[in-house]
mmCIF file of all heavy atoms, coordinates in Angstrom:
data_MODEL
# 
_entry.id   MODEL 
# 
loop_
_atom_site.group_PDB 
_atom_site.id 
_atom_site.type_symbol 
_atom_site.label_atom_id 
_atom_site.label_alt_id 
_atom_site.label_comp_id 
_atom_site.label_asym_id 
_atom_site.label_entity_id 
_atom_site.label_seq_id 
_atom_site.pdbx_PDB_ins_code 
_atom_site.Cartn_x 
_atom_site.Cartn_y 
_atom_site.Cartn_z 
_atom_site.occupancy 
_atom_site.B_iso_or_equiv 
_atom_site.pdbx_formal_charge 
_atom_site.auth_seq_id 
_atom_site.auth_comp_id 
_atom_site.auth_asym_id 
_atom_site.auth_atom_id 
_atom_site.pdbx_PDB_model_num 
ATOM 1   N N   . LEU A 1 1  ? 82.772  15.534 -107.795 1.00 0.00 ? 1  LEU A N   1 
ATOM 2   C CA  . LEU A 1 1  ? 81.958  15.926 -106.688 1.00 0.00 ? 1  LEU A CA  1 
ATOM 3   C C   . LEU A 1 1  ? 80.813  16.927 -107.138 1.00 0.00 ? 1  LEU A C   1 
ATOM 4   O O   . LEU A 1 1  ? 79.704  16.829 -106.692 1.00 0.00 ? 1  LEU A O   1 
ATOM 5   C CB  . LEU A 1 1  ? 82.650  16.493 -105.520 1.00 0.00 ? 1  LEU A CB  1 
ATOM 6   C CG  . LEU A 1 1  ? 81.870  17.056 -104.252 1.00 0.00 ? 1  LEU A CG  1 
ATOM 7   C CD1 . LEU A 1 1  ? 81.131  15.893 -103.688 1.00 0.00 ? 1  LEU A CD1 1 
ATOM 8   C CD2 . LEU A 1 1  ? 82.905  17.598 -103.205 1.00 0.00 ? 1  LEU A CD2 1 
ATOM 9   N N   . VAL A 1 2  ? 81.141  17.931 -107.922 1.00 0.00 ? 2  VAL A N   1 
ATOM 10  C CA  . VAL A 1 2  ? 80.299  18.825 -108.429 1.00 0.00 ? 2  VAL A CA  1 
ATOM 11  C C   . VAL A 1 2  ? 79.160  18.083 -109.178 1.00 0.00 ? 2  VAL A C   1 
ATOM 12  O O   . VAL A 1 2  ? 77.890  18.325 -109.026 1.00 0.00 ? 2  VAL A O   1 
ATOM 13  C CB  . VAL A 1 2  ? 80.951  19.904 -109.327 1.00 0.00 ? 2  VAL A CB  1 
ATOM 14  C CG1 . VAL A 1 2  ? 79.882  20.753 -109.989 1.00 0.00 ? 2  VAL A CG1 1 
ATOM 15  C CG2 . VAL A 1 2  ? 81.959  20.650 -108.782 1.00 0.00 ? 2  VAL A CG2 1 
ATOM 16  N N   . GLU A 1 3  ? 79.499  17.213 -110.056 1.00 0.00 ? 3  GLU A N   1 
ATOM 17  C CA  . GLU A 1 3  ? 78.433  16.317 -110.739 1.00 0.00 ? 3  GLU A CA  1 
ATOM 18  C C   . GLU A 1 3  ? 77.600  15.525 -109.874 1.00 0.00 ? 3  GLU A C   1 
ATOM 19  O O   . GLU A 1 3  ? 76.457  15.582 -109.977 1.00 0.00 ? 3  GLU A O   1 
ATOM 20  C CB  . GLU A 1 3  ? 79.268  15.455 -111.754 1.00 0.00 ? 3  GLU A CB  1 
ATOM 21  C CG  . GLU A 1 3  ? 78.297  14.537 -112.648 1.00 0.00 ? 3  GLU A CG  1 
ATOM 22  C CD  . GLU A 1 3  ? 79.006  13.691 -113.641 1.00 0.00 ? 3  GLU A CD  1 
ATOM 23  O OE1 . GLU A 1 3  ? 80.031  13.036 -113.148 1.00 0.00 ? 3  GLU A OE1 1 
ATOM 24  O OE2 . GLU A 1 3  ? 78.678  13.536 -114.755 1.00 0.00 ? 3  GLU A OE2 1 
ATOM 25  N N   . GLN A 1 4  ? 78.232  14.921 -108.925 1.00 0.00 ? 4  GLN A N   1 
ATOM 26  C CA  . GLN A 1 4  ? 77.434  14.120 -107.950 1.00 0.00 ? 4  GLN A CA  1 
ATOM 27  C C   . GLN A 1 4  ? 76.417  15.013 -107.156 1.00 0.00 ? 4  GLN A C   1 
ATOM 28  O O   . GLN A 1 4  ? 75.191  14.547 -107.139 1.00 0.00 ? 4  GLN A O   1 
ATOM 29  C CB  . GLN A 1 4  ? 78.314  13.531 -106.909 1.00 0.00 ? 4  GLN A CB  1 
ATOM 30  C CG  . GLN A 1 4  ? 77.684  12.430 -105.961 1.00 0.00 ? 4  GLN A CG  1 
ATOM 31  C CD  . GLN A 1 4  ? 78.803  11.973 -104.988 1.00 0.00 ? 4  GLN A CD  1 
ATOM 32  O OE1 . GLN A 1 4  ? 79.475  12.700 -104.336 1.00 0.00 ? 4  GLN A OE1 1 
ATOM 33  N NE2 . GLN A 1 4  ? 78.848  10.645 -104.944 1.00 0.00 ? 4  GLN A NE2 1 
ATOM 34  N N   . VAL A 1 5  ? 76.817  16.100 -106.751 1.00 0.00 ? 5  VAL A N   1 
ATOM 35  C CA  . VAL A 1 5  ? 75.830  17.041 -105.941 1.00 0.00 ? 5  VAL A CA  1 
ATOM 36  C C   . VAL A 1 5  ? 74.793  17.708 -106.907 1.00 0.00 ? 5  VAL A C   1 
ATOM 37  O O   . VAL A 1 5  ? 73.629  17.625 -106.619 1.00 0.00 ? 5  VAL A O   1 
ATOM 38  C CB  . VAL A 1 5  ? 76.676  18.047 -105.246 1.00 0.00 ? 5  VAL A CB  1 
ATOM 39  C CG1 . VAL A 1 5  ? 75.736  19.074 -104.598 1.00 0.00 ? 5  VAL A CG1 1 
ATOM 40  C CG2 . VAL A 1 5  ? 77.529  17.508 -104.208 1.00 0.00 ? 5  VAL A CG2 1 
ATOM 41  N N   . THR A 1 6  ? 75.236  18.214 -108.033 1.00 0.00 ? 6  THR A N   1 
ATOM 42  C CA  . THR A 1 6  ? 74.219  18.791 -108.982 1.00 0.00 ? 6  THR A CA  1 
ATOM 43  C C   . THR A 1 6  ? 73.171  17.864 -109.529 1.00 0.00 ? 6  THR A C   1 
ATOM 44  O O   . THR A 1 6  ? 72.164  18.116 -109.752 1.00 0.00 ? 6  THR A O   1 
ATOM 45  C CB  . THR A 1 6  ? 74.947  19.506 -110.118 1.00 0.00 ? 6  THR A CB  1 
ATOM 46  O OG1 . THR A 1 6  ? 75.807  18.572 -110.789 1.00 0.00 ? 6  THR A OG1 1 
ATOM 47  C CG2 . THR A 1 6  ? 75.827  20.727 -109.560 1.00 0.00 ? 6  THR A CG2 1 
ATOM 48  N N   . LYS A 1 7  ? 73.632  16.672 -109.856 1.00 0.00 ? 7  LYS A N   1 
ATOM 49  C CA  . LYS A 1 7  ? 72.707  15.643 -110.409 1.00 0.00 ? 7  LYS A CA  1 
ATOM 50  C C   . LYS A 1 7  ? 71.838  14.912 -109.443 1.00 0.00 ? 7  LYS A C   1 
ATOM 51  O O   . LYS A 1 7  ? 70.735  14.450 -109.753 1.00 0.00 ? 7  LYS A O   1 
ATOM 52  C CB  . LYS A 1 7  ? 73.560  14.483 -111.209 1.00 0.00 ? 7  LYS A CB  1 
ATOM 53  C CG  . LYS A 1 7  ? 74.506  15.067 -112.241 1.00 0.00 ? 7  LYS A CG  1 
ATOM 54  C CD  . LYS A 1 7  ? 73.815  15.805 -113.324 1.00 0.00 ? 7  LYS A CD  1 
ATOM 55  C CE  . LYS A 1 7  ? 74.757  16.220 -114.442 1.00 0.00 ? 7  LYS A CE  1 
ATOM 56  N NZ  . LYS A 1 7  ? 74.156  17.136 -115.393 1.00 0.00 ? 7  LYS A NZ  1 
ATOM 57  N N   . ASN A 1 8  ? 72.142  14.871 -108.084 1.00 0.00 ? 8  ASN A N   1 
ATOM 58  C CA  . ASN A 1 8  ? 71.496  13.975 -107.244 1.00 0.00 ? 8  ASN A CA  1 
ATOM 59  C C   . ASN A 1 8  ? 70.702  14.697 -106.107 1.00 0.00 ? 8  ASN A C   1 
ATOM 60  O O   . ASN A 1 8  ? 69.878  14.198 -105.381 1.00 0.00 ? 8  ASN A O   1 
ATOM 61  C CB  . ASN A 1 8  ? 72.419  13.003 -106.626 1.00 0.00 ? 8  ASN A CB  1 
ATOM 62  C CG  . ASN A 1 8  ? 73.009  12.047 -107.592 1.00 0.00 ? 8  ASN A CG  1 
ATOM 63  O OD1 . ASN A 1 8  ? 72.167  11.155 -108.118 1.00 0.00 ? 8  ASN A OD1 1 
ATOM 64  N ND2 . ASN A 1 8  ? 74.233  12.089 -107.868 1.00 0.00 ? 8  ASN A ND2 1 
ATOM 65  N N   . LEU A 1 9  ? 71.043  15.999 -106.006 1.00 0.00 ? 9  LEU A N   1 
ATOM 66  C CA  . LEU A 1 9  ? 70.336  16.851 -104.849 1.00 0.00 ? 9  LEU A CA  1 
ATOM 67  C C   . LEU A 1 9  ? 69.441  17.936 -105.431 1.00 0.00 ? 9  LEU A C   1 
ATOM 68  O O   . LEU A 1 9  ? 69.924  18.667 -106.402 1.00 0.00 ? 9  LEU A O   1 
ATOM 69  C CB  . LEU A 1 9  ? 71.352  17.417 -103.879 1.00 0.00 ? 9  LEU A CB  1 
ATOM 70  C CG  . LEU A 1 9  ? 72.154  16.343 -103.253 1.00 0.00 ? 9  LEU A CG  1 
ATOM 71  C CD1 . LEU A 1 9  ? 73.278  17.029 -102.277 1.00 0.00 ? 9  LEU A CD1 1 
ATOM 72  C CD2 . LEU A 1 9  ? 71.359  15.450 -102.319 1.00 0.00 ? 9  LEU A CD2 1 
ATOM 73  N N   . ASN A 1 10 ? 68.428  18.123 -104.977 1.00 0.00 ? 10 ASN A N   1 
ATOM 74  C CA  . ASN A 1 10 ? 67.422  19.134 -105.389 1.00 0.00 ? 10 ASN A CA  1 
ATOM 75  C C   . ASN A 1 10 ? 67.747  20.449 -104.677 1.00 0.00 ? 10 ASN A C   1 
ATOM 76  O O   . ASN A 1 10 ? 66.994  20.924 -103.753 1.00 0.00 ? 10 ASN A O   1 
ATOM 77  C CB  . ASN A 1 10 ? 65.973  18.779 -105.225 1.00 0.00 ? 10 ASN A CB  1 
ATOM 78  C CG  . ASN A 1 10 ? 64.999  19.632 -105.810 1.00 0.00 ? 10 ASN A CG  1 
ATOM 79  O OD1 . ASN A 1 10 ? 65.354  20.378 -106.705 1.00 0.00 ? 10 ASN A OD1 1 
ATOM 80  N ND2 . ASN A 1 10 ? 63.814  19.813 -105.232 1.00 0.00 ? 10 ASN A ND2 1 
ATOM 81  N N   . ILE A 1 11 ? 68.805  21.148 -105.124 1.00 0.00 ? 11 ILE A N   1 
ATOM 82  C CA  . ILE A 1 11 ? 69.238  22.376 -104.442 1.00 0.00 ? 11 ILE A CA  1 
ATOM 83  C C   . ILE A 1 11 ? 70.243  23.133 -105.434 1.00 0.00 ? 11 ILE A C   1 
ATOM 84  O O   . ILE A 1 11 ? 70.946  22.416 -106.126 1.00 0.00 ? 11 ILE A O   1 
ATOM 85  C CB  . ILE A 1 11 ? 69.873  22.154 -102.942 1.00 0.00 ? 11 ILE A CB  1 
ATOM 86  C CG1 . ILE A 1 11 ? 70.074  23.557 -102.327 1.00 0.00 ? 11 ILE A CG1 1 
ATOM 87  C CG2 . ILE A 1 11 ? 71.191  21.394 -103.175 1.00 0.00 ? 11 ILE A CG2 1 
ATOM 88  C CD1 . ILE A 1 11 ? 70.430  23.318 -100.902 1.00 0.00 ? 11 ILE A CD1 1 
ATOM 89  N N   . ALA A 1 12 ? 70.119  24.424 -105.470 1.00 0.00 ? 12 ALA A N   1 
ATOM 90  C CA  . ALA A 1 12 ? 70.995  25.262 -106.229 1.00 0.00 ? 12 ALA A CA  1 
ATOM 91  C C   . ALA A 1 12 ? 72.444  25.036 -105.763 1.00 0.00 ? 12 ALA A C   1 
ATOM 92  O O   . ALA A 1 12 ? 72.693  25.136 -104.534 1.00 0.00 ? 12 ALA A O   1 
ATOM 93  C CB  . ALA A 1 12 ? 70.566  26.691 -106.164 1.00 0.00 ? 12 ALA A CB  1 
ATOM 94  N N   . VAL A 1 13 ? 73.250  24.835 -106.647 1.00 0.00 ? 13 VAL A N   1 
ATOM 95  C CA  . VAL A 1 13 ? 74.768  24.616 -106.330 1.00 0.00 ? 13 VAL A CA  1 
ATOM 96  C C   . VAL A 1 13 ? 75.668  25.697 -106.881 1.00 0.00 ? 13 VAL A C   1 
ATOM 97  O O   . VAL A 1 13 ? 75.683  25.796 -108.176 1.00 0.00 ? 13 VAL A O   1 
ATOM 98  C CB  . VAL A 1 13 ? 75.287  23.275 -106.840 1.00 0.00 ? 13 VAL A CB  1 
ATOM 99  C CG1 . VAL A 1 13 ? 76.597  23.019 -106.346 1.00 0.00 ? 13 VAL A CG1 1 
ATOM 100 C CG2 . VAL A 1 13 ? 74.356  22.026 -106.181 1.00 0.00 ? 13 VAL A CG2 1 
ATOM 101 N N   . ASN A 1 14 ? 76.274  26.403 -106.090 1.00 0.00 ? 14 ASN A N   1 
ATOM 102 C CA  . ASN A 1 14 ? 77.318  27.375 -106.496 1.00 0.00 ? 14 ASN A CA  1 
ATOM 103 C C   . ASN A 1 14 ? 78.671  26.746 -106.189 1.00 0.00 ? 14 ASN A C   1 
ATOM 104 O O   . ASN A 1 14 ? 78.895  26.391 -105.001 1.00 0.00 ? 14 ASN A O   1 
ATOM 105 C CB  . ASN A 1 14 ? 77.138  28.855 -105.906 1.00 0.00 ? 14 ASN A CB  1 
ATOM 106 C CG  . ASN A 1 14 ? 76.049  29.565 -106.434 1.00 0.00 ? 14 ASN A CG  1 
ATOM 107 O OD1 . ASN A 1 14 ? 75.236  29.121 -107.362 1.00 0.00 ? 14 ASN A OD1 1 
ATOM 108 N ND2 . ASN A 1 14 ? 75.877  30.893 -106.118 1.00 0.00 ? 14 ASN A ND2 1 
ATOM 109 N N   . VAL A 1 15 ? 79.585  26.879 -107.071 1.00 0.00 ? 15 VAL A N   1 
ATOM 110 C CA  . VAL A 1 15 ? 80.824  26.125 -106.835 1.00 0.00 ? 15 VAL A CA  1 
ATOM 111 C C   . VAL A 1 15 ? 81.920  27.217 -106.650 1.00 0.00 ? 15 VAL A C   1 
ATOM 112 O O   . VAL A 1 15 ? 82.134  28.014 -107.334 1.00 0.00 ? 15 VAL A O   1 
ATOM 113 C CB  . VAL A 1 15 ? 81.129  25.268 -108.037 1.00 0.00 ? 15 VAL A CB  1 
ATOM 114 C CG1 . VAL A 1 15 ? 82.551  24.472 -107.898 1.00 0.00 ? 15 VAL A CG1 1 
ATOM 115 C CG2 . VAL A 1 15 ? 80.044  24.306 -108.461 1.00 0.00 ? 15 VAL A CG2 1 
ATOM 116 N N   . LEU A 1 16 ? 82.571  27.008 -105.447 1.00 0.00 ? 16 LEU A N   1 
ATOM 117 C CA  . LEU A 1 16 ? 83.803  27.907 -105.296 1.00 0.00 ? 16 LEU A CA  1 
ATOM 118 C C   . LEU A 1 16 ? 84.964  27.448 -106.070 1.00 0.00 ? 16 LEU A C   1 
ATOM 119 O O   . LEU A 1 16 ? 85.285  26.208 -106.083 1.00 0.00 ? 16 LEU A O   1 
ATOM 120 C CB  . LEU A 1 16 ? 84.096  27.786 -103.641 1.00 0.00 ? 16 LEU A CB  1 
ATOM 121 C CG  . LEU A 1 16 ? 85.423  28.405 -103.307 1.00 0.00 ? 16 LEU A CG  1 
ATOM 122 C CD1 . LEU A 1 16 ? 85.228  30.018 -103.389 1.00 0.00 ? 16 LEU A CD1 1 
ATOM 123 C CD2 . LEU A 1 16 ? 85.907  28.017 -101.957 1.00 0.00 ? 16 LEU A CD2 1 
ATOM 124 N N   . LEU A 1 17 ? 85.626  28.376 -106.713 1.00 0.00 ? 17 LEU A N   1 
ATOM 125 C CA  . LEU A 1 17 ? 86.765  28.039 -107.506 1.00 0.00 ? 17 LEU A CA  1 
ATOM 126 C C   . LEU A 1 17 ? 87.981  28.810 -106.925 1.00 0.00 ? 17 LEU A C   1 
ATOM 127 O O   . LEU A 1 17 ? 88.022  30.199 -107.037 1.00 0.00 ? 17 LEU A O   1 
ATOM 128 C CB  . LEU A 1 17 ? 86.446  28.401 -108.956 1.00 0.00 ? 17 LEU A CB  1 
ATOM 129 C CG  . LEU A 1 17 ? 85.345  27.618 -109.587 1.00 0.00 ? 17 LEU A CG  1 
ATOM 130 C CD1 . LEU A 1 17 ? 85.092  28.095 -111.129 1.00 0.00 ? 17 LEU A CD1 1 
ATOM 131 C CD2 . LEU A 1 17 ? 85.538  26.071 -109.421 1.00 0.00 ? 17 LEU A CD2 1 
ATOM 132 N N   . ARG A 1 18 ? 88.887  28.177 -106.422 1.00 0.00 ? 18 ARG A N   1 
ATOM 133 C CA  . ARG A 1 18 ? 90.073  28.843 -105.940 1.00 0.00 ? 18 ARG A CA  1 
ATOM 134 C C   . ARG A 1 18 ? 91.231  27.770 -105.976 1.00 0.00 ? 18 ARG A C   1 
ATOM 135 O O   . ARG A 1 18 ? 91.134  26.606 -105.439 1.00 0.00 ? 18 ARG A O   1 
ATOM 136 C CB  . ARG A 1 18 ? 89.716  29.114 -104.446 1.00 0.00 ? 18 ARG A CB  1 
ATOM 137 C CG  . ARG A 1 18 ? 90.927  29.777 -103.638 1.00 0.00 ? 18 ARG A CG  1 
ATOM 138 C CD  . ARG A 1 18 ? 90.538  30.005 -102.147 1.00 0.00 ? 18 ARG A CD  1 
ATOM 139 N NE  . ARG A 1 18 ? 91.523  30.570 -101.363 1.00 0.00 ? 18 ARG A NE  1 
ATOM 140 C CZ  . ARG A 1 18 ? 91.656  30.450 -100.045 1.00 0.00 ? 18 ARG A CZ  1 
ATOM 141 N NH1 . ARG A 1 18 ? 90.817  29.690 -99.322  1.00 0.00 ? 18 ARG A NH1 1 
ATOM 142 N NH2 . ARG A 1 18 ? 92.752  31.057 -99.360  1.00 0.00 ? 18 ARG A NH2 1 
ATOM 143 N N   . PRO A 1 19 ? 92.293  27.990 -106.675 1.00 0.00 ? 19 PRO A N   1 
ATOM 144 C CA  . PRO A 1 19 ? 93.181  26.979 -106.935 1.00 0.00 ? 19 PRO A CA  1 
ATOM 145 C C   . PRO A 1 19 ? 94.066  26.539 -105.732 1.00 0.00 ? 19 PRO A C   1 
ATOM 146 O O   . PRO A 1 19 ? 94.625  25.436 -105.908 1.00 0.00 ? 19 PRO A O   1 
ATOM 147 C CB  . PRO A 1 19 ? 94.063  27.710 -107.993 1.00 0.00 ? 19 PRO A CB  1 
ATOM 148 C CG  . PRO A 1 19 ? 94.071  29.133 -107.750 1.00 0.00 ? 19 PRO A CG  1 
ATOM 149 C CD  . PRO A 1 19 ? 92.651  29.357 -107.216 1.00 0.00 ? 19 PRO A CD  1 
ATOM 150 N N   . ARG A 1 20 ? 94.144  27.266 -104.641 1.00 0.00 ? 20 ARG A N   1 
ATOM 151 C CA  . ARG A 1 20 ? 94.971  26.915 -103.635 1.00 0.00 ? 20 ARG A CA  1 
ATOM 152 C C   . ARG A 1 20 ? 94.626  27.836 -102.376 1.00 0.00 ? 20 ARG A C   1 
ATOM 153 O O   . ARG A 1 20 ? 93.865  28.707 -102.458 1.00 0.00 ? 20 ARG A O   1 
ATOM 154 C CB  . ARG A 1 20 ? 96.469  27.133 -104.005 1.00 0.00 ? 20 ARG A CB  1 
ATOM 155 C CG  . ARG A 1 20 ? 96.717  28.561 -104.357 1.00 0.00 ? 20 ARG A CG  1 
ATOM 156 C CD  . ARG A 1 20 ? 98.117  29.024 -104.439 1.00 0.00 ? 20 ARG A CD  1 
ATOM 157 N NE  . ARG A 1 20 ? 98.262  30.271 -105.125 1.00 0.00 ? 20 ARG A NE  1 
ATOM 158 C CZ  . ARG A 1 20 ? 97.982  31.470 -104.683 1.00 0.00 ? 20 ARG A CZ  1 
ATOM 159 N NH1 . ARG A 1 20 ? 97.424  31.594 -103.368 1.00 0.00 ? 20 ARG A NH1 1 
ATOM 160 N NH2 . ARG A 1 20 ? 98.051  32.526 -105.274 1.00 0.00 ? 20 ARG A NH2 1 
ATOM 161 N N   . PHE A 1 21 ? 95.128  27.265 -101.139 1.00 0.00 ? 21 PHE A N   1 
ATOM 162 C CA  . PHE A 1 21 ? 95.109  28.120 -100.011 1.00 0.00 ? 21 PHE A CA  1 
ATOM 163 C C   . PHE A 1 21 ? 96.059  29.394 -100.133 1.00 0.00 ? 21 PHE A C   1 
ATOM 164 O O   . PHE A 1 21 ? 97.000  29.408 -100.907 1.00 0.00 ? 21 PHE A O   1 
ATOM 165 C CB  . PHE A 1 21 ? 95.646  27.315 -98.793  1.00 0.00 ? 21 PHE A CB  1 
ATOM 166 C CG  . PHE A 1 21 ? 95.862  28.058 -97.559  1.00 0.00 ? 21 PHE A CG  1 
ATOM 167 C CD1 . PHE A 1 21 ? 94.931  28.495 -96.782  1.00 0.00 ? 21 PHE A CD1 1 
ATOM 168 C CD2 . PHE A 1 21 ? 97.256  28.385 -97.321  1.00 0.00 ? 21 PHE A CD2 1 
ATOM 169 C CE1 . PHE A 1 21 ? 95.194  29.233 -95.572  1.00 0.00 ? 21 PHE A CE1 1 
ATOM 170 C CE2 . PHE A 1 21 ? 97.482  29.128 -96.105  1.00 0.00 ? 21 PHE A CE2 1 
ATOM 171 C CZ  . PHE A 1 21 ? 96.424  29.532 -95.270  1.00 0.00 ? 21 PHE A CZ  1 
ATOM 172 N N   . GLY A 1 22 ? 95.657  30.493 -99.557  1.00 0.00 ? 22 GLY A N   1 
ATOM 173 C CA  . GLY A 1 22 ? 96.498  31.693 -99.516  1.00 0.00 ? 22 GLY A CA  1 
ATOM 174 C C   . GLY A 1 22 ? 95.982  32.839 -100.066 1.00 0.00 ? 22 GLY A C   1 
ATOM 175 O O   . GLY A 1 22 ? 94.770  32.972 -100.162 1.00 0.00 ? 22 GLY A O   1 
ATOM 176 N N   . ASP A 1 23 ? 96.805  33.651 -100.742 1.00 0.00 ? 23 ASP A N   1 
ATOM 177 C CA  . ASP A 1 23 ? 96.294  34.945 -101.188 1.00 0.00 ? 23 ASP A CA  1 
ATOM 178 C C   . ASP A 1 23 ? 95.618  34.767 -102.522 1.00 0.00 ? 23 ASP A C   1 
ATOM 179 O O   . ASP A 1 23 ? 95.378  33.664 -102.941 1.00 0.00 ? 23 ASP A O   1 
ATOM 180 C CB  . ASP A 1 23 ? 97.489  35.989 -101.435 1.00 0.00 ? 23 ASP A CB  1 
ATOM 181 C CG  . ASP A 1 23 ? 98.517  35.429 -102.386 1.00 0.00 ? 23 ASP A CG  1 
ATOM 182 O OD1 . ASP A 1 23 ? 98.032  35.059 -103.544 1.00 0.00 ? 23 ASP A OD1 1 
ATOM 183 O OD2 . ASP A 1 23 ? 99.678  35.578 -102.146 1.00 0.00 ? 23 ASP A OD2 1 
ATOM 184 N N   . PHE A 1 24 ? 95.033  35.929 -103.074 1.00 0.00 ? 24 PHE A N   1 
ATOM 185 C CA  . PHE A 1 24 ? 94.192  35.874 -104.207 1.00 0.00 ? 24 PHE A CA  1 
ATOM 186 C C   . PHE A 1 24 ? 94.812  36.453 -105.475 1.00 0.00 ? 24 PHE A C   1 
ATOM 187 O O   . PHE A 1 24 ? 94.156  36.829 -106.358 1.00 0.00 ? 24 PHE A O   1 
ATOM 188 C CB  . PHE A 1 24 ? 92.968  36.532 -103.941 1.00 0.00 ? 24 PHE A CB  1 
ATOM 189 C CG  . PHE A 1 24 ? 92.222  35.918 -102.737 1.00 0.00 ? 24 PHE A CG  1 
ATOM 190 C CD1 . PHE A 1 24 ? 92.295  36.456 -101.503 1.00 0.00 ? 24 PHE A CD1 1 
ATOM 191 C CD2 . PHE A 1 24 ? 91.492  34.611 -102.954 1.00 0.00 ? 24 PHE A CD2 1 
ATOM 192 C CE1 . PHE A 1 24 ? 91.607  35.923 -100.447 1.00 0.00 ? 24 PHE A CE1 1 
ATOM 193 C CE2 . PHE A 1 24 ? 90.809  34.055 -101.777 1.00 0.00 ? 24 PHE A CE2 1 
ATOM 194 C CZ  . PHE A 1 24 ? 90.889  34.668 -100.587 1.00 0.00 ? 24 PHE A CZ  1 
ATOM 195 N N   . CYS A 1 25 ? 96.213  36.475 -105.514 1.00 0.00 ? 25 CYS A N   1 
ATOM 196 C CA  . CYS A 1 25 ? 97.000  37.015 -106.579 1.00 0.00 ? 25 CYS A CA  1 
ATOM 197 C C   . CYS A 1 25 ? 97.545  35.838 -107.360 1.00 0.00 ? 25 CYS A C   1 
ATOM 198 O O   . CYS A 1 25 ? 98.424  35.089 -106.908 1.00 0.00 ? 25 CYS A O   1 
ATOM 199 C CB  . CYS A 1 25 ? 98.008  37.980 -106.184 1.00 0.00 ? 25 CYS A CB  1 
ATOM 200 S SG  . CYS A 1 25 ? 98.958  38.756 -107.498 1.00 0.00 ? 25 CYS A SG  1 
ATOM 201 N N   . PHE A 1 26 ? 96.800  35.535 -108.495 1.00 0.00 ? 26 PHE A N   1 
ATOM 202 C CA  . PHE A 1 26 ? 96.998  34.174 -109.116 1.00 0.00 ? 26 PHE A CA  1 
ATOM 203 C C   . PHE A 1 26 ? 98.019  34.284 -110.230 1.00 0.00 ? 26 PHE A C   1 
ATOM 204 O O   . PHE A 1 26 ? 98.164  35.346 -110.988 1.00 0.00 ? 26 PHE A O   1 
ATOM 205 C CB  . PHE A 1 26 ? 95.757  33.682 -109.591 1.00 0.00 ? 26 PHE A CB  1 
ATOM 206 C CG  . PHE A 1 26 ? 94.695  33.426 -108.554 1.00 0.00 ? 26 PHE A CG  1 
ATOM 207 C CD1 . PHE A 1 26 ? 93.480  34.050 -108.611 1.00 0.00 ? 26 PHE A CD1 1 
ATOM 208 C CD2 . PHE A 1 26 ? 95.143  32.724 -107.418 1.00 0.00 ? 26 PHE A CD2 1 
ATOM 209 C CE1 . PHE A 1 26 ? 92.504  33.725 -107.591 1.00 0.00 ? 26 PHE A CE1 1 
ATOM 210 C CE2 . PHE A 1 26 ? 94.194  32.413 -106.366 1.00 0.00 ? 26 PHE A CE2 1 
ATOM 211 C CZ  . PHE A 1 26 ? 92.912  32.990 -106.476 1.00 0.00 ? 26 PHE A CZ  1 
ATOM 212 N N   . THR A 1 27 ? 98.745  33.273 -110.538 1.00 0.00 ? 27 THR A N   1 
ATOM 213 C CA  . THR A 1 27 ? 99.690  33.089 -111.600 1.00 0.00 ? 27 THR A CA  1 
ATOM 214 C C   . THR A 1 27 ? 98.946  32.814 -112.892 1.00 0.00 ? 27 THR A C   1 
ATOM 215 O O   . THR A 1 27 ? 97.800  32.553 -112.950 1.00 0.00 ? 27 THR A O   1 
ATOM 216 C CB  . THR A 1 27 ? 100.677 31.935 -111.441 1.00 0.00 ? 27 THR A CB  1 
ATOM 217 O OG1 . THR A 1 27 ? 100.002 30.739 -111.483 1.00 0.00 ? 27 THR A OG1 1 
ATOM 218 C CG2 . THR A 1 27 ? 101.484 32.077 -110.109 1.00 0.00 ? 27 THR A CG2 1 
# 
């Protein structure tokens, strides 16, 4: 999906990276 949007749309794309729902204390 990242590739599809960055390659085909003329807009800056910032990608949210979060492995799961919930808190932000990661393993």
